[in-house]
N, C-alpha and C. Protein backbone atom coordinates (compact mmCIF):
# COMPACT_ATOMS: atom_id res chain seq x y z
N UNK A 1 74.37 -12.78 -208.14
CA UNK A 1 72.55 -12.54 -207.34
C UNK A 1 71.87 -14.46 -206.68
N UNK A 2 72.08 -14.10 -205.21
CA UNK A 2 71.03 -15.31 -204.86
C UNK A 2 70.26 -14.98 -204.19
N UNK A 3 68.93 -15.59 -203.95
CA UNK A 3 67.83 -15.96 -203.28
C UNK A 3 68.31 -16.83 -201.60
N UNK A 4 67.80 -15.33 -200.77
CA UNK A 4 67.54 -15.73 -199.91
C UNK A 4 66.49 -16.07 -198.80
N UNK A 5 66.20 -17.52 -197.98
CA UNK A 5 64.34 -17.35 -197.59
C UNK A 5 64.21 -17.01 -196.32
N UNK A 6 63.55 -16.23 -196.22
CA UNK A 6 62.78 -15.54 -194.69
C UNK A 6 62.19 -16.41 -194.36
N UNK A 7 62.09 -16.39 -192.82
CA UNK A 7 61.23 -17.23 -191.84
C UNK A 7 59.74 -16.90 -192.12
N UNK A 8 60.19 -14.78 -191.58
CA UNK A 8 59.14 -13.75 -191.58
C UNK A 8 58.72 -13.20 -193.44
N UNK A 9 59.52 -12.91 -193.98
CA UNK A 9 59.65 -11.69 -195.16
C UNK A 9 59.66 -13.02 -196.73
N UNK A 10 59.91 -14.22 -196.41
CA UNK A 10 60.01 -14.52 -197.37
C UNK A 10 61.11 -14.50 -198.20
N UNK A 11 61.03 -14.80 -199.56
CA UNK A 11 62.43 -14.68 -200.77
C UNK A 11 62.97 -13.53 -200.78
N UNK A 12 63.36 -12.93 -200.35
CA UNK A 12 64.45 -11.41 -200.45
C UNK A 12 65.65 -11.89 -201.75
N UNK A 13 66.12 -11.02 -202.22
CA UNK A 13 67.42 -11.44 -203.53
C UNK A 13 68.41 -10.67 -202.26
N UNK A 14 69.72 -11.54 -202.79
CA UNK A 14 70.94 -10.50 -201.98
C UNK A 14 72.10 -10.36 -203.75
N UNK A 15 72.91 -9.26 -203.31
CA UNK A 15 73.66 -9.54 -204.27
C UNK A 15 74.40 -8.93 -203.85
N UNK A 16 75.78 -9.38 -203.67
CA UNK A 16 76.97 -8.76 -203.48
C UNK A 16 77.98 -8.88 -204.30
N UNK A 17 78.86 -7.35 -204.61
CA UNK A 17 79.80 -7.82 -205.85
C UNK A 17 81.18 -6.84 -204.94
N UNK A 18 81.76 -7.44 -204.18
CA UNK A 18 82.76 -6.96 -203.41
C UNK A 18 84.09 -6.11 -204.43
N UNK A 19 84.01 -6.29 -205.26
CA UNK A 19 85.38 -5.65 -206.05
C UNK A 19 84.96 -4.59 -206.57
N UNK A 20 83.24 -4.31 -206.25
CA UNK A 20 83.00 -3.00 -206.52
C UNK A 20 82.64 -2.33 -205.44
N UNK A 21 82.53 -3.47 -204.09
CA UNK A 21 81.76 -2.88 -202.92
C UNK A 21 80.16 -2.23 -202.88
N UNK A 22 79.34 -3.30 -203.61
CA UNK A 22 77.87 -2.97 -203.30
C UNK A 22 77.02 -4.22 -203.01
N UNK A 23 76.36 -3.66 -201.86
CA UNK A 23 75.49 -4.42 -201.32
C UNK A 23 74.06 -4.52 -201.75
N UNK A 24 73.34 -5.37 -202.29
CA UNK A 24 71.81 -4.94 -202.89
C UNK A 24 70.45 -5.72 -202.16
N UNK A 25 69.61 -5.62 -201.71
CA UNK A 25 69.04 -6.63 -201.17
C UNK A 25 67.27 -6.21 -201.57
N UNK A 26 66.82 -6.91 -202.03
CA UNK A 26 65.24 -5.86 -201.92
C UNK A 26 64.56 -7.75 -201.90
N UNK A 27 63.32 -7.05 -201.47
CA UNK A 27 62.65 -8.88 -201.81
C UNK A 27 61.31 -8.06 -201.98
N UNK A 28 59.61 -8.58 -202.74
CA UNK A 28 58.13 -8.31 -202.49
C UNK A 28 57.85 -7.80 -201.72
N UNK A 29 58.54 -7.87 -200.19
CA UNK A 29 57.78 -6.98 -199.11
C UNK A 29 58.59 -6.14 -198.05
N UNK A 30 60.02 -6.13 -198.48
CA UNK A 30 60.58 -5.61 -198.09
C UNK A 30 61.44 -4.09 -198.79
N UNK A 31 61.67 -3.51 -197.70
CA UNK A 31 62.36 -1.71 -198.88
C UNK A 31 63.77 -2.68 -199.36
N UNK A 32 63.76 -1.91 -200.64
CA UNK A 32 65.45 -2.04 -201.14
C UNK A 32 66.48 -1.72 -200.60
N UNK A 33 67.72 -2.38 -200.28
CA UNK A 33 68.85 -2.10 -199.63
C UNK A 33 69.73 -1.73 -200.52
N UNK A 34 70.76 -0.03 -200.44
CA UNK A 34 71.95 -0.50 -200.84
C UNK A 34 72.90 -0.08 -200.19
N UNK A 35 74.09 -0.85 -200.33
CA UNK A 35 75.32 -0.10 -199.15
C UNK A 35 76.50 -0.69 -200.27
N UNK A 36 77.43 0.60 -200.52
CA UNK A 36 78.00 1.46 -201.43
C UNK A 36 79.34 1.70 -201.07
N UNK A 37 80.58 1.40 -201.40
CA UNK A 37 81.64 1.58 -201.47
C UNK A 37 81.84 3.22 -202.17
N UNK A 38 82.32 4.08 -201.97
CA UNK A 38 82.57 5.37 -202.43
C UNK A 38 83.13 5.76 -203.06
N UNK A 39 84.48 4.64 -202.47
CA UNK A 39 86.37 4.78 -203.20
C UNK A 39 86.63 3.79 -203.82
N UNK A 40 87.06 3.89 -204.98
CA UNK A 40 87.48 3.06 -205.73
C UNK A 40 88.28 1.52 -205.50
N UNK A 41 89.10 1.66 -205.39
CA UNK A 41 89.78 0.61 -204.15
C UNK A 41 89.74 0.18 -203.02
N UNK A 42 89.55 -1.77 -203.36
CA UNK A 42 88.80 -2.29 -201.87
C UNK A 42 89.61 -1.73 -200.61
N UNK A 43 89.73 -1.16 -199.80
CA UNK A 43 90.40 -0.85 -198.39
C UNK A 43 91.39 -2.08 -197.90
N UNK A 44 89.74 -2.70 -197.69
CA UNK A 44 90.05 -4.14 -196.12
C UNK A 44 89.24 -4.96 -196.84
N UNK A 45 90.14 -6.36 -196.89
CA UNK A 45 89.95 -7.40 -197.54
C UNK A 45 89.44 -8.00 -196.07
N UNK A 46 88.75 -7.89 -194.99
CA UNK A 46 88.47 -8.32 -193.99
C UNK A 46 87.12 -7.88 -193.72
N UNK A 47 86.85 -6.86 -194.77
CA UNK A 47 85.46 -6.72 -194.26
C UNK A 47 84.70 -6.46 -196.00
N UNK A 48 83.42 -7.38 -195.70
CA UNK A 48 83.48 -7.75 -197.15
C UNK A 48 82.68 -6.51 -198.23
N UNK A 49 82.46 -5.45 -197.91
CA UNK A 49 82.11 -4.05 -198.35
C UNK A 49 83.22 -3.29 -198.59
N UNK A 50 84.23 -3.51 -198.25
CA UNK A 50 85.75 -3.00 -198.31
C UNK A 50 86.71 -1.92 -197.35
N UNK A 51 85.25 -1.48 -196.02
CA UNK A 51 85.51 -0.18 -195.83
C UNK A 51 84.40 -0.32 -194.01
N UNK A 52 85.86 0.05 -192.97
CA UNK A 52 84.62 0.48 -192.10
C UNK A 52 84.51 1.74 -191.84
N UNK A 53 84.89 2.79 -193.06
CA UNK A 53 84.59 4.08 -192.66
C UNK A 53 83.52 5.00 -193.06
N UNK A 54 82.70 5.22 -192.03
CA UNK A 54 81.91 6.08 -192.76
C UNK A 54 81.39 6.92 -193.80
N UNK A 55 82.05 7.52 -193.71
CA UNK A 55 82.54 8.88 -194.97
C UNK A 55 82.61 8.07 -196.55
N UNK A 56 83.06 6.63 -196.38
CA UNK A 56 83.12 5.65 -197.61
C UNK A 56 82.83 4.84 -198.15
N UNK A 57 80.92 5.30 -197.10
CA UNK A 57 79.80 4.30 -197.35
C UNK A 57 79.12 5.39 -197.69
N UNK A 58 78.00 4.75 -198.69
CA UNK A 58 76.20 5.48 -199.10
C UNK A 58 75.31 4.49 -198.94
N UNK A 59 74.61 4.87 -198.22
CA UNK A 59 73.81 3.53 -198.11
C UNK A 59 72.12 4.15 -198.43
N UNK A 60 71.03 3.42 -199.00
CA UNK A 60 70.13 3.94 -199.75
C UNK A 60 68.99 2.03 -199.39
N UNK A 61 67.88 3.29 -198.67
CA UNK A 61 67.00 2.73 -198.29
C UNK A 61 65.20 2.92 -198.83
N UNK A 62 64.99 1.63 -199.33
CA UNK A 62 63.70 2.60 -200.32
C UNK A 62 63.95 3.90 -201.04
N UNK A 63 65.04 3.53 -201.15
CA UNK A 63 65.30 5.31 -202.20
C UNK A 63 65.90 6.15 -201.93
N UNK A 64 65.89 6.19 -199.51
CA UNK A 64 66.06 7.55 -199.44
C UNK A 64 67.31 7.34 -198.37
N UNK A 65 67.98 8.42 -198.43
CA UNK A 65 69.25 8.09 -197.64
C UNK A 65 69.50 7.29 -196.01
N UNK A 66 70.60 6.63 -195.58
CA UNK A 66 70.08 6.98 -194.44
C UNK A 66 71.97 6.91 -194.13
N UNK A 67 71.79 7.31 -192.98
CA UNK A 67 72.90 6.97 -192.07
C UNK A 67 73.83 5.82 -191.51
N UNK A 68 74.94 5.71 -191.70
CA UNK A 68 76.05 4.42 -191.23
C UNK A 68 76.92 4.87 -190.79
N UNK A 69 77.31 4.37 -189.63
CA UNK A 69 78.61 4.68 -188.33
C UNK A 69 78.75 3.27 -188.07
N UNK A 70 79.92 2.63 -189.11
CA UNK A 70 80.51 1.55 -188.11
C UNK A 70 81.15 1.41 -187.76
N UNK A 71 81.49 0.96 -186.28
CA UNK A 71 82.99 0.99 -185.36
C UNK A 71 84.24 0.45 -185.89
N UNK A 72 85.09 0.78 -185.40
CA UNK A 72 86.53 0.51 -186.11
C UNK A 72 86.94 -1.33 -186.50
N UNK A 73 86.13 -1.69 -185.46
CA UNK A 73 86.44 -3.57 -185.98
C UNK A 73 87.68 -3.64 -185.80
N UNK A 74 87.98 -3.80 -184.36
CA UNK A 74 89.51 -3.78 -183.51
C UNK A 74 89.67 -5.19 -182.69
N UNK A 75 90.44 -4.65 -181.72
CA UNK A 75 90.55 -5.74 -180.81
C UNK A 75 88.94 -6.68 -180.23
N UNK A 76 88.12 -5.14 -179.55
CA UNK A 76 87.23 -5.88 -178.66
C UNK A 76 86.38 -5.69 -179.32
N UNK A 77 85.30 -7.49 -179.32
CA UNK A 77 84.06 -7.72 -179.93
C UNK A 77 83.30 -6.35 -180.12
N UNK A 78 82.46 -5.61 -179.53
CA UNK A 78 81.71 -4.10 -179.39
C UNK A 78 82.14 -3.19 -180.74
N UNK A 79 83.80 -3.31 -180.98
CA UNK A 79 84.00 -2.36 -181.95
C UNK A 79 83.68 -3.10 -183.20
N UNK A 80 83.13 -4.13 -183.48
CA UNK A 80 82.57 -4.56 -184.62
C UNK A 80 80.99 -4.60 -184.63
N UNK A 81 80.48 -3.81 -183.97
CA UNK A 81 79.24 -2.94 -184.37
C UNK A 81 78.66 -1.99 -185.29
N UNK A 82 77.43 -2.15 -186.12
CA UNK A 82 77.42 -0.98 -187.08
C UNK A 82 75.98 -0.61 -187.02
N UNK A 83 76.04 0.68 -186.71
CA UNK A 83 74.94 1.18 -186.39
C UNK A 83 74.26 2.27 -188.05
N UNK A 84 72.92 2.01 -187.42
CA UNK A 84 72.29 2.40 -189.04
C UNK A 84 71.55 3.38 -188.46
N UNK A 85 70.54 5.19 -188.80
CA UNK A 85 69.71 6.04 -188.65
C UNK A 85 68.80 5.84 -189.81
N UNK A 86 67.86 5.72 -189.88
CA UNK A 86 66.87 5.18 -190.99
C UNK A 86 65.76 5.45 -190.86
N UNK A 87 64.41 6.71 -191.32
CA UNK A 87 63.69 6.72 -191.04
C UNK A 87 62.74 6.42 -190.08
N UNK A 88 63.19 7.56 -188.62
CA UNK A 88 63.25 7.53 -187.61
C UNK A 88 63.22 6.07 -186.56
N UNK A 89 64.08 5.46 -187.14
CA UNK A 89 64.54 4.27 -186.61
C UNK A 89 66.54 4.18 -186.51
N UNK A 90 66.54 3.32 -184.78
CA UNK A 90 67.75 3.24 -185.40
C UNK A 90 68.15 1.68 -185.11
N UNK A 91 69.25 1.47 -186.16
CA UNK A 91 69.78 -0.07 -185.61
C UNK A 91 71.20 -0.04 -185.16
N UNK A 92 70.76 -1.19 -184.85
CA UNK A 92 72.03 -1.52 -184.63
C UNK A 92 72.89 -3.16 -184.80
N UNK A 93 73.93 -3.58 -185.66
CA UNK A 93 74.01 -4.82 -185.89
C UNK A 93 75.55 -4.82 -185.18
N UNK A 94 75.35 -5.93 -183.92
CA UNK A 94 76.69 -5.87 -183.24
C UNK A 94 76.73 -7.84 -182.73
N UNK A 95 78.16 -8.16 -182.47
CA UNK A 95 78.55 -9.24 -182.25
C UNK A 95 77.90 -9.67 -180.83
N UNK A 96 77.64 -10.89 -181.01
CA UNK A 96 76.63 -11.57 -179.84
C UNK A 96 77.66 -13.29 -179.60
N UNK A 97 78.34 -12.93 -180.64
CA UNK A 97 79.95 -14.66 -180.41
C UNK A 97 80.53 -14.07 -181.43
N UNK A 98 80.41 -15.14 -181.56
CA UNK A 98 82.19 -15.63 -182.44
C UNK A 98 81.17 -15.47 -183.83
N UNK A 99 80.33 -16.30 -184.00
CA UNK A 99 79.49 -16.24 -185.30
C UNK A 99 78.38 -15.56 -185.46
N UNK A 100 77.90 -14.96 -184.64
CA UNK A 100 76.48 -14.09 -185.07
C UNK A 100 76.91 -12.68 -184.29
N UNK A 101 75.38 -12.25 -185.20
CA UNK A 101 75.61 -10.67 -184.69
C UNK A 101 74.38 -10.45 -184.54
N UNK A 102 73.45 -9.30 -183.50
CA UNK A 102 72.25 -9.50 -182.98
C UNK A 102 71.24 -7.98 -183.64
N UNK A 103 70.78 -8.14 -184.06
CA UNK A 103 70.05 -7.17 -184.65
C UNK A 103 69.39 -5.99 -183.87
N UNK A 104 69.42 -4.37 -183.61
CA UNK A 104 68.51 -4.27 -182.58
C UNK A 104 67.90 -3.35 -183.35
N UNK A 105 66.65 -3.15 -182.84
CA UNK A 105 65.86 -1.70 -183.60
C UNK A 105 65.04 -0.64 -182.44
N UNK A 106 66.28 0.42 -181.83
CA UNK A 106 65.60 0.94 -181.13
C UNK A 106 65.39 0.65 -180.02
N UNK A 107 66.62 0.07 -179.47
CA UNK A 107 66.57 -0.37 -178.61
C UNK A 107 65.95 -1.63 -178.20
N UNK A 108 65.58 -2.54 -178.69
CA UNK A 108 64.91 -3.66 -178.55
C UNK A 108 65.36 -5.12 -179.37
N UNK A 109 65.67 -6.49 -179.17
CA UNK A 109 66.44 -6.81 -179.98
C UNK A 109 65.12 -7.32 -180.51
N UNK A 110 65.38 -7.19 -182.30
CA UNK A 110 64.93 -8.46 -183.20
C UNK A 110 65.43 -9.54 -184.10
N UNK A 111 66.68 -9.71 -183.81
CA UNK A 111 66.96 -11.45 -184.39
C UNK A 111 68.57 -11.19 -184.13
N UNK A 112 68.84 -12.55 -184.20
CA UNK A 112 70.06 -12.96 -184.44
C UNK A 112 70.65 -13.48 -185.98
N UNK A 113 71.80 -12.64 -186.32
CA UNK A 113 72.04 -13.82 -187.76
C UNK A 113 73.09 -13.62 -188.00
N UNK A 114 73.50 -14.73 -188.50
CA UNK A 114 74.59 -15.60 -188.92
C UNK A 114 75.56 -15.52 -190.41
N UNK A 115 75.99 -15.49 -191.04
CA UNK A 115 76.60 -16.00 -192.24
C UNK A 115 77.42 -16.13 -192.66
N UNK A 116 77.69 -17.11 -193.44
CA UNK A 116 79.31 -17.90 -193.51
C UNK A 116 79.78 -17.26 -194.79
N UNK A 117 80.75 -17.38 -195.36
CA UNK A 117 81.43 -17.29 -196.64
C UNK A 117 81.11 -17.32 -197.97
N UNK A 118 79.91 -18.47 -197.81
CA UNK A 118 79.17 -18.66 -199.11
C UNK A 118 78.06 -17.68 -199.15
N UNK A 119 77.50 -16.95 -197.92
CA UNK A 119 76.64 -16.33 -198.29
C UNK A 119 74.76 -16.85 -197.75
N UNK A 120 75.20 -17.85 -196.93
CA UNK A 120 74.70 -19.14 -196.82
C UNK A 120 73.96 -18.29 -194.83
N UNK A 121 72.34 -18.06 -194.78
CA UNK A 121 72.39 -17.61 -193.25
C UNK A 121 71.78 -17.75 -192.19
N UNK A 122 71.47 -18.27 -191.57
CA UNK A 122 70.79 -18.93 -190.38
C UNK A 122 70.21 -17.44 -189.31
N UNK A 123 69.24 -17.27 -189.41
CA UNK A 123 68.59 -16.39 -188.64
C UNK A 123 67.46 -16.63 -187.63
N UNK A 124 67.83 -16.46 -186.54
CA UNK A 124 66.90 -16.75 -185.12
C UNK A 124 65.92 -15.24 -185.35
N UNK A 125 65.05 -15.62 -185.16
CA UNK A 125 63.87 -14.27 -185.10
C UNK A 125 63.75 -14.22 -183.62
N UNK A 126 64.04 -13.21 -182.72
CA UNK A 126 64.21 -13.22 -180.97
C UNK A 126 62.96 -12.03 -180.94
N UNK A 127 62.21 -11.59 -182.31
CA UNK A 127 60.68 -10.70 -181.68
C UNK A 127 59.50 -12.00 -182.59
N UNK A 128 58.18 -11.33 -182.27
CA UNK A 128 57.55 -11.96 -182.84
C UNK A 128 57.23 -11.70 -184.46
N UNK A 129 56.34 -11.76 -185.65
CA UNK A 129 56.60 -11.37 -187.15
C UNK A 129 55.38 -9.86 -187.10
N UNK A 130 54.76 -10.10 -185.89
CA UNK A 130 53.72 -8.71 -185.54
C UNK A 130 54.56 -7.33 -184.62
N UNK A 131 55.50 -8.41 -184.35
CA UNK A 131 56.27 -6.76 -183.55
C UNK A 131 57.66 -6.21 -184.57
N UNK A 132 57.51 -6.96 -185.72
CA UNK A 132 59.02 -6.48 -186.73
C UNK A 132 58.21 -5.94 -187.73
N UNK A 133 59.07 -5.00 -188.62
CA UNK A 133 58.51 -4.70 -189.85
C UNK A 133 59.30 -4.72 -190.92
N UNK A 134 59.34 -4.26 -192.09
CA UNK A 134 59.79 -5.35 -193.36
C UNK A 134 61.38 -4.68 -193.41
N UNK A 135 61.35 -3.86 -192.92
CA UNK A 135 62.90 -3.07 -192.98
C UNK A 135 63.70 -3.42 -191.77
N UNK A 136 63.30 -4.28 -190.67
CA UNK A 136 64.61 -5.34 -189.51
C UNK A 136 64.71 -6.25 -190.91
N UNK A 137 64.14 -6.49 -191.75
CA UNK A 137 64.68 -8.59 -192.30
C UNK A 137 65.90 -7.58 -193.50
N UNK A 138 65.32 -6.66 -194.32
CA UNK A 138 66.50 -6.15 -194.84
C UNK A 138 67.36 -5.04 -194.46
N UNK A 139 67.55 -4.45 -193.28
CA UNK A 139 68.42 -3.84 -192.96
C UNK A 139 69.83 -5.25 -192.14
N UNK A 140 68.85 -5.99 -191.21
CA UNK A 140 69.67 -7.16 -190.71
C UNK A 140 69.91 -7.42 -191.96
N UNK A 141 69.97 -7.79 -192.95
CA UNK A 141 70.31 -8.86 -194.06
C UNK A 141 71.78 -8.03 -194.33
N UNK A 142 71.33 -7.33 -195.36
CA UNK A 142 72.17 -6.23 -195.90
C UNK A 142 73.05 -5.65 -195.37
N UNK A 143 73.26 -5.21 -193.64
CA UNK A 143 74.30 -5.35 -192.87
C UNK A 143 75.54 -6.50 -193.02
N UNK A 144 74.04 -7.87 -192.92
CA UNK A 144 75.29 -8.40 -192.59
C UNK A 144 75.98 -9.37 -193.44
N UNK A 145 75.71 -9.27 -195.26
CA UNK A 145 76.19 -9.10 -195.89
C UNK A 145 78.08 -7.94 -195.97
N UNK A 146 77.24 -7.01 -195.95
CA UNK A 146 78.33 -5.65 -196.19
C UNK A 146 79.43 -6.02 -195.29
N UNK A 147 79.13 -6.38 -193.73
CA UNK A 147 80.15 -6.24 -192.26
C UNK A 147 80.38 -7.72 -191.87
N UNK A 148 79.65 -8.36 -192.18
CA UNK A 148 79.81 -9.84 -191.82
C UNK A 148 79.53 -9.91 -190.32
N UNK A 149 79.73 -11.22 -189.87
CA UNK A 149 78.26 -11.67 -188.38
C UNK A 149 79.64 -12.09 -187.78
N UNK A 150 79.36 -11.32 -186.37
CA UNK A 150 80.17 -12.35 -185.52
C UNK A 150 81.77 -11.69 -184.88
N UNK A 151 82.47 -12.07 -184.05
CA UNK A 151 83.70 -11.10 -183.85
C UNK A 151 83.88 -12.24 -182.66
N UNK A 152 85.83 -12.35 -182.77
CA UNK A 152 85.68 -12.90 -181.65
C UNK A 152 86.19 -12.17 -180.51
N UNK A 153 86.07 -12.57 -179.29
CA UNK A 153 86.02 -11.45 -178.27
C UNK A 153 88.00 -11.85 -177.71
N UNK A 154 88.83 -10.48 -177.71
CA UNK A 154 90.35 -10.96 -177.30
C UNK A 154 90.62 -12.16 -176.71
N UNK A 155 90.29 -12.37 -175.62
CA UNK A 155 90.80 -14.20 -175.29
C UNK A 155 90.45 -15.40 -176.33
N UNK A 156 89.47 -15.11 -177.05
CA UNK A 156 89.51 -16.18 -177.31
C UNK A 156 90.59 -15.85 -179.30
N UNK A 157 91.10 -14.82 -178.99
CA UNK A 157 91.90 -14.71 -180.13
C UNK A 157 92.94 -14.60 -179.92
N UNK A 158 93.38 -15.06 -178.28
CA UNK A 158 94.79 -15.08 -177.88
C UNK A 158 94.89 -16.77 -177.82
N UNK A 159 93.44 -16.69 -177.22
CA UNK A 159 93.48 -19.06 -177.62
C UNK A 159 93.62 -19.57 -178.68
N UNK A 160 93.22 -18.80 -179.73
CA UNK A 160 93.33 -19.24 -181.05
C UNK A 160 95.08 -18.73 -181.56
N UNK A 161 95.43 -17.97 -180.95
CA UNK A 161 97.08 -18.06 -181.43
C UNK A 161 97.99 -18.87 -181.03
N UNK A 162 97.46 -18.96 -179.50
CA UNK A 162 98.25 -20.14 -179.09
C UNK A 162 98.51 -21.52 -179.33
N UNK A 163 96.90 -21.59 -179.18
CA UNK A 163 96.09 -22.92 -180.50
C UNK A 163 97.00 -23.08 -181.53
N UNK A 164 97.49 -22.34 -182.23
CA UNK A 164 97.36 -21.95 -183.83
C UNK A 164 99.71 -22.85 -183.94
N UNK A 165 99.91 -22.03 -182.51
CA UNK A 165 101.61 -22.05 -182.94
C UNK A 165 101.96 -23.26 -181.75
N UNK A 166 100.78 -24.38 -181.08
CA UNK A 166 101.04 -25.46 -180.68
C UNK A 166 101.24 -26.62 -181.02
N UNK A 167 102.22 -27.63 -181.43
CA UNK A 167 102.72 -28.89 -182.66
C UNK A 167 101.69 -29.65 -182.70
N UNK A 168 100.79 -29.93 -183.45
CA UNK A 168 99.73 -31.55 -183.52
C UNK A 168 98.50 -31.23 -184.64
């Protein structure tokens, strides 16, 4: 477990158990979020939670069930989006660069999240503190930990592959 300090919502506790497929996020001013892989074996090593299959995931926010629908995570960047419905809100975390994903709540851009392999975050709030709700932070951090942030474009992957083949 480690602590993430958010500019709007203070210290948040984040726990990721990739082997068990569990992401938990909590803090004094935010609803607790738990994302859990429901199948025992780790399905996909490229996804921190282990799967992008909605039927293999369970999500609870503030003790209540949420509905999650991850995209398949294929070649196109937009396939790495994750949709989540909870408490009359629709969230979407979608890559907007190779390292960053944008959190959108009910069609409104809220923040850009970036997390590295060590769980260190850079969060840029696109809304003011008064325009956000505590669940924005909780959902954004939890989805980022469960699915990662960012995605390469098809052209970027091709160029990267070509670059890896070149000597030097």
